[in-house]
Amino acid sequence: MSEKIDFKRTLDAYRARRGDFRVVDVPPLQYLMVDGHGDPNSSPDFAAAVEALYPVAYRLKFASRDLGRDHVVMPLEGTWWAEDMTAFTSERDKSRWSWTLMIMTPDWIDPAMLDAAVATVAETTAPARLADVRLETLAEGRCVQTLHVGSFDDEGPVLARMHDDVIPGLGLRMTGRHHEIYLSDFRRVPPERRRTILRQPVGPAEA
């Protein structure tokens, strides 16, 4: 079997430092995805999405071993959006948030492998949103990102600085959905110690 790959170490897109807003070119990456809407702290769909993604991701890891390829299961990620992005910064109105939870998976995983993994998981735990797990490539391209350490509820000022100061100051504008990468498992790590990459796709400012 080949050496186990940890994409967090091999992909530059998974590197960020606290207080440093960095421009990074993110390659197209493949993810397991589940969509939802509403406050992640109270929405049953949010917890159900997490419960569906992880067993599929691990089943695909085991299937990869059968191909002679092994990899570390990647952290949970999420893209977030709202009609008015102040719902994420100044207002923090979580009831207005829509989201897609994701786990990055290697490009050698194909739809047939996903179908087989879902079928195997269904034989044991059968999470409520298992049938909603899909495989999709996300092409974000140029992004600005930074590392946030602390509670999710403390992200607002960091995002406001990114959206209102850093991105315009670089001659850029926001183009895609707000993206978070949860380097810490928020089910186990206390809020003050959580490490989260905050990412915003960008493009040239309009003339």
Protein backbone atom coordinates (compact mmCIF):
# COMPACT_ATOMS: atom_id res chain seq x y z
CA MET A 1 0.00 0.00 0.00
CA SER A 2 1.21 3.52 -0.77
CA GLU A 3 1.93 6.07 1.95
CA LYS A 4 -1.08 7.65 3.64
CA ILE A 5 -1.76 11.14 2.24
CA ASP A 6 -2.74 13.99 4.53
CA PHE A 7 -4.11 16.68 2.22
CA LYS A 8 -4.05 19.25 5.05
CA ARG A 9 -0.24 19.07 4.77
CA THR A 10 0.09 18.79 1.00
CA LEU A 11 -2.42 21.44 -0.11
CA ASP A 12 -1.54 25.10 0.41
CA ALA A 13 -5.25 25.91 0.62
CA TYR A 14 -5.33 24.33 4.10
CA ARG A 15 -2.70 26.68 5.54
CA ALA A 16 -3.59 29.88 7.37
CA ARG A 17 -2.27 32.01 10.22
CA ARG A 18 -4.13 34.03 12.81
CA GLY A 19 -4.15 37.72 11.97
CA ASP A 20 -2.78 37.15 8.47
CA PHE A 21 -5.20 37.68 5.57
CA ARG A 22 -3.62 35.78 2.70
CA VAL A 23 -4.53 35.53 -0.97
CA VAL A 24 -4.50 31.89 -2.06
CA ASP A 25 -5.40 30.16 -5.32
CA VAL A 26 -7.53 27.15 -4.44
CA PRO A 27 -7.59 24.33 -7.02
CA PRO A 28 -10.85 22.56 -7.89
CA LEU A 29 -11.47 20.05 -5.11
CA GLN A 30 -13.97 17.24 -4.73
CA TYR A 31 -16.24 17.05 -1.70
CA LEU A 32 -18.96 15.02 -0.09
CA MET A 33 -21.80 17.53 0.41
CA VAL A 34 -25.13 17.95 2.22
CA ASP A 35 -27.24 21.14 2.05
CA GLY A 36 -29.36 22.82 4.70
CA HIS A 37 -30.72 26.05 6.17
CA GLY A 38 -31.02 27.68 9.56
CA ASP A 39 -29.20 28.10 12.87
CA PRO A 40 -26.54 25.36 13.15
CA ASN A 41 -27.01 25.33 16.93
CA SER A 42 -30.69 24.42 16.74
CA SER A 43 -31.37 23.03 13.26
CA PRO A 44 -31.84 19.24 13.37
CA ASP A 45 -30.80 19.16 9.73
CA PHE A 46 -27.33 20.45 10.65
CA ALA A 47 -26.63 17.67 13.15
CA ALA A 48 -28.12 15.12 10.75
CA ALA A 49 -25.85 16.33 7.94
CA VAL A 50 -22.76 15.86 10.11
CA GLU A 51 -23.97 12.39 11.13
CA ALA A 52 -24.37 11.43 7.46
CA LEU A 53 -21.08 12.80 6.12
CA TYR A 54 -18.58 11.23 8.52
CA PRO A 55 -19.49 7.52 8.14
CA VAL A 56 -19.50 7.89 4.35
CA ALA A 57 -16.10 9.60 4.44
CA TYR A 58 -14.61 6.81 6.53
CA ARG A 59 -16.18 4.11 4.37
CA LEU A 60 -14.58 5.72 1.32
CA LYS A 61 -11.24 5.76 3.14
CA PHE A 62 -11.52 1.99 3.64
CA ALA A 63 -12.54 1.53 0.00
CA SER A 64 -9.47 3.53 -1.04
CA ARG A 65 -7.26 1.10 0.81
CA ASP A 66 -8.61 -1.66 -1.43
CA LEU A 67 -7.23 0.38 -4.34
CA GLY A 68 -3.83 0.54 -2.67
CA ARG A 69 -4.29 4.21 -1.77
CA ASP A 70 -4.78 5.60 1.72
CA HIS A 71 -5.59 9.08 3.00
CA VAL A 72 -6.42 10.91 6.19
CA VAL A 73 -10.13 11.78 6.44
CA MET A 74 -10.33 15.53 6.04
CA PRO A 75 -11.99 17.94 8.50
CA LEU A 76 -15.55 19.11 8.20
CA GLU A 77 -16.05 22.25 6.12
CA GLY A 78 -18.99 24.44 5.24
CA THR A 79 -19.99 27.10 2.76
CA TRP A 80 -22.44 29.67 4.10
CA TRP A 81 -24.58 32.35 2.54
CA ALA A 82 -27.54 34.67 3.10
CA GLU A 83 -29.36 37.26 1.03
CA ASP A 84 -27.72 39.94 3.18
CA MET A 85 -24.18 39.08 4.30
CA THR A 86 -24.52 41.30 7.39
CA ALA A 87 -26.30 38.23 8.77
CA PHE A 88 -22.76 36.90 9.26
CA THR A 89 -21.00 40.06 10.44
CA SER A 90 -22.86 42.77 12.34
CA GLU A 91 -26.25 41.11 12.84
CA ARG A 92 -25.24 37.44 13.24
CA ASP A 93 -28.81 36.33 12.49
CA LYS A 94 -28.29 32.59 12.24
CA SER A 95 -31.89 31.88 11.30
CA ARG A 96 -31.16 33.46 7.89
CA TRP A 97 -28.13 31.31 7.13
CA SER A 98 -28.06 28.68 4.41
CA TRP A 99 -25.21 26.20 4.30
CA THR A 100 -23.58 23.23 2.60
CA LEU A 101 -21.56 20.97 4.87
CA MET A 102 -18.67 19.20 3.17
CA ILE A 103 -15.73 16.83 3.58
CA MET A 104 -12.99 16.99 0.95
CA THR A 105 -12.35 13.62 -0.67
CA PRO A 106 -9.64 12.54 -3.15
CA ASP A 107 -10.22 12.84 -6.87
CA TRP A 108 -9.90 9.09 -7.34
CA ILE A 109 -13.22 8.63 -5.53
CA ASP A 110 -15.95 8.25 -8.16
CA PRO A 111 -19.78 8.11 -8.04
CA ALA A 112 -19.80 4.31 -8.07
CA MET A 113 -17.59 4.26 -4.97
CA LEU A 114 -19.89 6.76 -3.28
CA ASP A 115 -22.96 4.64 -4.07
CA ALA A 116 -21.25 1.57 -2.63
CA ALA A 117 -20.19 3.46 0.49
CA VAL A 118 -23.69 4.81 1.08
CA ALA A 119 -25.15 1.32 0.66
CA THR A 120 -22.69 -0.11 3.19
CA VAL A 121 -23.39 2.61 5.75
CA ALA A 122 -27.13 2.06 5.29
CA GLU A 123 -26.72 -1.55 6.39
CA THR A 124 -25.56 -0.44 9.84
CA THR A 125 -26.31 3.08 11.09
CA ALA A 126 -28.52 4.54 8.31
CA PRO A 127 -28.25 8.25 9.28
CA ALA A 128 -31.36 10.30 8.58
CA ARG A 129 -29.77 12.35 5.77
CA LEU A 130 -27.65 9.59 4.27
CA ALA A 131 -29.53 9.73 0.95
CA ASP A 132 -28.71 13.46 0.66
CA VAL A 133 -24.92 12.94 0.53
CA ARG A 134 -23.59 13.80 -2.91
CA LEU A 135 -20.19 14.08 -4.62
CA GLU A 136 -19.40 17.42 -6.22
CA THR A 137 -16.39 19.46 -7.30
CA LEU A 138 -16.04 23.00 -5.98
CA ALA A 139 -13.87 25.41 -7.98
CA GLU A 140 -13.28 28.51 -5.83
CA GLY A 141 -10.15 29.87 -7.49
CA ARG A 142 -8.65 32.99 -5.92
CA CYS A 143 -9.61 33.49 -2.26
CA VAL A 144 -8.66 35.51 0.80
CA GLN A 145 -8.39 33.48 3.99
CA THR A 146 -7.25 33.71 7.59
CA LEU A 147 -7.22 31.59 10.73
CA HIS A 148 -9.72 32.32 13.50
CA VAL A 149 -9.04 30.94 16.96
CA GLY A 150 -11.98 30.95 19.35
CA SER A 151 -15.74 30.70 19.40
CA PHE A 152 -17.73 30.79 16.18
CA ASP A 153 -19.73 33.64 17.72
CA ASP A 154 -16.56 35.76 17.77
CA GLU A 155 -16.02 35.50 14.00
CA GLY A 156 -18.12 38.59 13.19
CA PRO A 157 -15.40 41.26 13.62
CA VAL A 158 -12.86 39.14 11.73
CA LEU A 159 -15.27 38.69 8.82
CA ALA A 160 -16.22 42.37 8.87
CA ARG A 161 -12.53 43.29 8.57
CA MET A 162 -12.07 40.79 5.74
CA HIS A 163 -15.18 41.90 3.83
CA ASP A 164 -15.03 45.66 4.40
CA ASP A 165 -11.30 46.44 4.66
CA VAL A 166 -8.95 43.70 3.49
CA ILE A 167 -10.67 42.59 0.29
CA PRO A 168 -11.44 46.12 -1.05
CA GLY A 169 -7.95 47.20 0.02
CA LEU A 170 -6.48 44.54 -2.26
CA GLY A 171 -8.51 45.80 -5.20
CA LEU A 172 -10.79 42.77 -5.01
CA ARG A 173 -14.48 42.03 -4.45
CA MET A 174 -16.34 39.07 -2.95
CA THR A 175 -17.61 36.59 -5.54
CA GLY A 176 -18.48 33.24 -3.97
CA ARG A 177 -19.83 31.86 -0.72
CA HIS A 178 -18.21 32.29 2.67
CA HIS A 179 -16.25 29.11 3.42
CA GLU A 180 -15.17 27.72 6.78
CA ILE A 181 -12.77 24.83 7.44
CA TYR A 182 -13.08 23.36 10.93
CA LEU A 183 -9.56 22.28 11.81
CA SER A 184 -10.86 21.51 15.31
CA ASP A 185 -13.71 19.07 15.88
CA PHE A 186 -16.32 21.39 17.40
CA ARG A 187 -18.05 18.38 18.95
CA ARG A 188 -15.03 17.85 21.21
CA VAL A 189 -12.96 21.06 21.39
CA PRO A 190 -14.10 23.89 23.71
CA PRO A 191 -15.10 27.13 21.93
CA GLU A 192 -12.10 29.18 23.03
CA ARG A 193 -9.66 26.66 21.48
CA ARG A 194 -11.36 26.04 18.14
CA ARG A 195 -9.25 26.70 15.03
CA THR A 196 -11.20 27.64 11.90
CA ILE A 197 -9.99 28.78 8.50
CA LEU A 198 -12.24 31.59 7.22
CA ARG A 199 -12.17 31.83 3.42
CA GLN A 200 -13.81 34.18 0.93
CA PRO A 201 -13.61 33.69 -2.86
CA VAL A 202 -12.76 36.93 -4.64
CA GLY A 203 -12.34 38.48 -8.06
CA PRO A 204 -11.06 41.78 -9.48
CA ALA A 205 -12.97 44.84 -8.30
CA GLU A 206 -15.32 46.18 -10.94
CA ALA A 207 -13.95 49.18 -12.81
